Amino acid sequence: MLNRTQKDIVILYPEGKIVLGDGDQELGEAVRHCLEQGIRKMVINFSKVSYLDSSGVGELVGCYTSIKNQGGDLRICNLNARISSLIRMTSLHTVFPVMDTEDDALTGF
């Protein structure tokens, strides 16, 4: 998974599908690695994610919980229409900030 750092914020760029057994563990591992490095501010940019299933949603919630438990903050951005609909249907947009663009997500910190 690609990532980049801007000041004290890491932006993660998952790709493809985040589904059971294919991509969901990779996202969680990337977040855990950042937390182990002392990074507490993260943005997950979904611009290259084509599909997210319930397992992927569960992994996203797990990432959010891990970050919050360590005093951090998570924002997500660049959701396609299908993923955005899923996030709204599950009311996760009320749990953590969902931004339209990466710049919006970074500005929020």
C-alpha atoms as a PDB file:
ATOM      1  CA  MET A   1       0.000   0.000   0.000  1.00  0.00           C
ATOM      2  CA  LEU A   2       1.317   3.384  -0.941  1.00  0.00           C
ATOM      3  CA  ASN A   3       1.504   6.131   1.628  1.00  0.00           C
ATOM      4  CA  ARG A   4       3.000   9.559   2.050  1.00  0.00           C
ATOM      5  CA  THR A   5       3.571  11.906   4.944  1.00  0.00           C
ATOM      6  CA  GLN A   6       2.643  15.553   5.153  1.00  0.00           C
ATOM      7  CA  LYS A   7       3.921  17.141   8.356  1.00  0.00           C
ATOM      8  CA  ASP A   8       2.728  14.768  11.103  1.00  0.00           C
ATOM      9  CA  ILE A   9      -0.071  13.212   9.021  1.00  0.00           C
ATOM     10  CA  VAL A  10       0.171   9.962   7.063  1.00  0.00           C
ATOM     11  CA  ILE A  11      -2.003   9.540   3.997  1.00  0.00           C
ATOM     12  CA  LEU A  12      -2.701   5.910   3.090  1.00  0.00           C
ATOM     13  CA  TYR A  13      -3.682   4.944  -0.459  1.00  0.00           C
ATOM     14  CA  PRO A  14      -5.292   1.500  -0.559  1.00  0.00           C
ATOM     15  CA  GLU A  15      -6.000   0.120  -4.037  1.00  0.00           C
ATOM     16  CA  GLY A  16      -8.502  -2.201  -5.658  1.00  0.00           C
ATOM     17  CA  LYS A  17     -11.059  -4.046  -3.581  1.00  0.00           C
ATOM     18  CA  ILE A  18     -11.161  -4.078   0.207  1.00  0.00           C
ATOM     19  CA  VAL A  19     -13.016  -7.305   0.814  1.00  0.00           C
ATOM     20  CA  LEU A  20     -12.743 -10.399   2.995  1.00  0.00           C
ATOM     21  CA  GLY A  21      -9.337 -11.960   2.444  1.00  0.00           C
ATOM     22  CA  ASP A  22      -8.238  -9.411  -0.166  1.00  0.00           C
ATOM     23  CA  GLY A  23      -7.099  -6.022   1.022  1.00  0.00           C
ATOM     24  CA  ASP A  24      -8.851  -5.674   4.352  1.00  0.00           C
ATOM     25  CA  GLN A  25      -5.919  -7.001   6.371  1.00  0.00           C
ATOM     26  CA  GLU A  26      -3.486  -4.822   4.427  1.00  0.00           C
ATOM     27  CA  LEU A  27      -5.290  -1.665   5.512  1.00  0.00           C
ATOM     28  CA  GLY A  28      -5.323  -2.746   9.160  1.00  0.00           C
ATOM     29  CA  GLU A  29      -1.645  -3.671   9.022  1.00  0.00           C
ATOM     30  CA  ALA A  30      -0.750  -0.283   7.540  1.00  0.00           C
ATOM     31  CA  VAL A  31      -2.655   1.521  10.305  1.00  0.00           C
ATOM     32  CA  ARG A  32      -1.076  -0.642  13.032  1.00  0.00           C
ATOM     33  CA  HIS A  33       2.374   0.039  11.585  1.00  0.00           C
ATOM     34  CA  CYS A  34       1.731   3.798  11.669  1.00  0.00           C
ATOM     35  CA  LEU A  35       0.541   3.582  15.274  1.00  0.00           C
ATOM     36  CA  GLU A  36       3.675   1.611  16.223  1.00  0.00           C
ATOM     37  CA  GLN A  37       5.725   4.438  14.665  1.00  0.00           C
ATOM     38  CA  GLY A  38       3.928   6.959  16.887  1.00  0.00           C
ATOM     39  CA  ILE A  39       1.789   8.409  14.092  1.00  0.00           C
ATOM     40  CA  ARG A  40      -1.631   9.450  15.376  1.00  0.00           C
ATOM     41  CA  LYS A  41      -3.092  11.466  12.471  1.00  0.00           C
ATOM     42  CA  MET A  42      -4.122   9.520   9.387  1.00  0.00           C
ATOM     43  CA  VAL A  43      -6.081  10.027   6.197  1.00  0.00           C
ATOM     44  CA  ILE A  44      -7.249   7.106   4.093  1.00  0.00           C
ATOM     45  CA  ASN A  45      -7.622   8.218   0.483  1.00  0.00           C
ATOM     46  CA  PHE A  46     -10.072   5.909  -1.298  1.00  0.00           C
ATOM     47  CA  SER A  47      -9.435   7.317  -4.788  1.00  0.00           C
ATOM     48  CA  LYS A  48      -8.019   3.977  -6.003  1.00  0.00           C
ATOM     49  CA  VAL A  49     -10.484   1.709  -4.168  1.00  0.00           C
ATOM     50  CA  SER A  50     -13.126   0.276  -6.482  1.00  0.00           C
ATOM     51  CA  TYR A  51     -15.116  -1.801  -4.006  1.00  0.00           C
ATOM     52  CA  LEU A  52     -15.661  -2.140  -0.257  1.00  0.00           C
ATOM     53  CA  ASP A  53     -17.699  -4.972   1.294  1.00  0.00           C
ATOM     54  CA  SER A  54     -18.951  -5.507   4.843  1.00  0.00           C
ATOM     55  CA  SER A  55     -15.628  -7.047   5.852  1.00  0.00           C
ATOM     56  CA  GLY A  56     -13.846  -3.962   4.539  1.00  0.00           C
ATOM     57  CA  VAL A  57     -16.251  -1.750   6.478  1.00  0.00           C
ATOM     58  CA  GLY A  58     -15.459  -3.782   9.583  1.00  0.00           C
ATOM     59  CA  GLU A  59     -11.746  -3.316   8.998  1.00  0.00           C
ATOM     60  CA  LEU A  60     -12.257   0.426   8.543  1.00  0.00           C
ATOM     61  CA  VAL A  61     -14.151   0.606  11.851  1.00  0.00           C
ATOM     62  CA  GLY A  62     -11.363  -1.426  13.483  1.00  0.00           C
ATOM     63  CA  CYS A  63      -8.776   1.016  12.140  1.00  0.00           C
ATOM     64  CA  TYR A  64     -10.779   3.953  13.463  1.00  0.00           C
ATOM     65  CA  THR A  65     -11.122   2.324  16.891  1.00  0.00           C
ATOM     66  CA  SER A  66      -7.396   1.525  17.101  1.00  0.00           C
ATOM     67  CA  ILE A  67      -6.463   5.082  16.170  1.00  0.00           C
ATOM     68  CA  LYS A  68      -8.948   6.664  18.605  1.00  0.00           C
ATOM     69  CA  ASN A  69      -7.833   4.350  21.431  1.00  0.00           C
ATOM     70  CA  GLN A  70      -4.310   5.714  20.962  1.00  0.00           C
ATOM     71  CA  GLY A  71      -5.491   9.331  21.026  1.00  0.00           C
ATOM     72  CA  GLY A  72      -5.372   9.764  17.257  1.00  0.00           C
ATOM     73  CA  ASP A  73      -7.644  10.961  14.501  1.00  0.00           C
ATOM     74  CA  LEU A  74      -8.743   9.367  11.214  1.00  0.00           C
ATOM     75  CA  ARG A  75     -10.361  10.948   8.191  1.00  0.00           C
ATOM     76  CA  ILE A  76     -11.344   9.350   4.908  1.00  0.00           C
ATOM     77  CA  CYS A  77     -11.666  10.991   1.512  1.00  0.00           C
ATOM     78  CA  ASN A  78     -12.245  10.534  -2.218  1.00  0.00           C
ATOM     79  CA  LEU A  79     -14.968   7.904  -1.960  1.00  0.00           C
ATOM     80  CA  ASN A  80     -16.613   6.717  -5.151  1.00  0.00           C
ATOM     81  CA  ALA A  81     -20.433   6.866  -5.299  1.00  0.00           C
ATOM     82  CA  ARG A  82     -20.929   3.235  -4.260  1.00  0.00           C
ATOM     83  CA  ILE A  83     -18.586   3.405  -1.256  1.00  0.00           C
ATOM     84  CA  SER A  84     -20.009   6.766  -0.229  1.00  0.00           C
ATOM     85  CA  SER A  85     -23.502   5.265  -0.313  1.00  0.00           C
ATOM     86  CA  LEU A  86     -22.353   2.318   1.810  1.00  0.00           C
ATOM     87  CA  ILE A  87     -20.733   4.640   4.373  1.00  0.00           C
ATOM     88  CA  ARG A  88     -23.940   6.692   4.586  1.00  0.00           C
ATOM     89  CA  MET A  89     -26.193   3.621   4.721  1.00  0.00           C
ATOM     90  CA  THR A  90     -24.207   2.280   7.682  1.00  0.00           C
ATOM     91  CA  SER A  91     -24.186   5.780   9.289  1.00  0.00           C
ATOM     92  CA  LEU A  92     -20.389   5.718   9.510  1.00  0.00           C
ATOM     93  CA  HIS A  93     -20.295   9.280   8.186  1.00  0.00           C
ATOM     94  CA  THR A  94     -21.512  10.238  11.673  1.00  0.00           C
ATOM     95  CA  VAL A  95     -18.645   8.342  13.329  1.00  0.00           C
ATOM     96  CA  PHE A  96     -15.647   9.752  11.518  1.00  0.00           C
ATOM     97  CA  PRO A  97     -15.098  12.630   9.106  1.00  0.00           C
ATOM     98  CA  VAL A  98     -15.668  11.863   5.427  1.00  0.00           C
ATOM     99  CA  MET A  99     -14.151  14.524   3.191  1.00  0.00           C
ATOM    100  CA  ASP A 100     -14.539  15.059  -0.539  1.00  0.00           C
ATOM    101  CA  THR A 101     -10.846  15.662  -1.237  1.00  0.00           C
ATOM    102  CA  GLU A 102      -7.508  14.930   0.332  1.00  0.00           C
ATOM    103  CA  ASP A 103      -6.887  18.659   0.776  1.00  0.00           C
ATOM    104  CA  ASP A 104     -10.148  18.944   2.744  1.00  0.00           C
ATOM    105  CA  ALA A 105      -9.093  16.053   4.967  1.00  0.00           C
ATOM    106  CA  LEU A 106      -5.669  17.548   5.626  1.00  0.00           C
ATOM    107  CA  THR A 107      -7.086  20.996   6.365  1.00  0.00           C
ATOM    108  CA  GLY A 108      -9.327  19.504   9.042  1.00  0.00           C
ATOM    109  CA  PHE A 109      -6.370  18.619  11.266  1.00  0.00           C
END
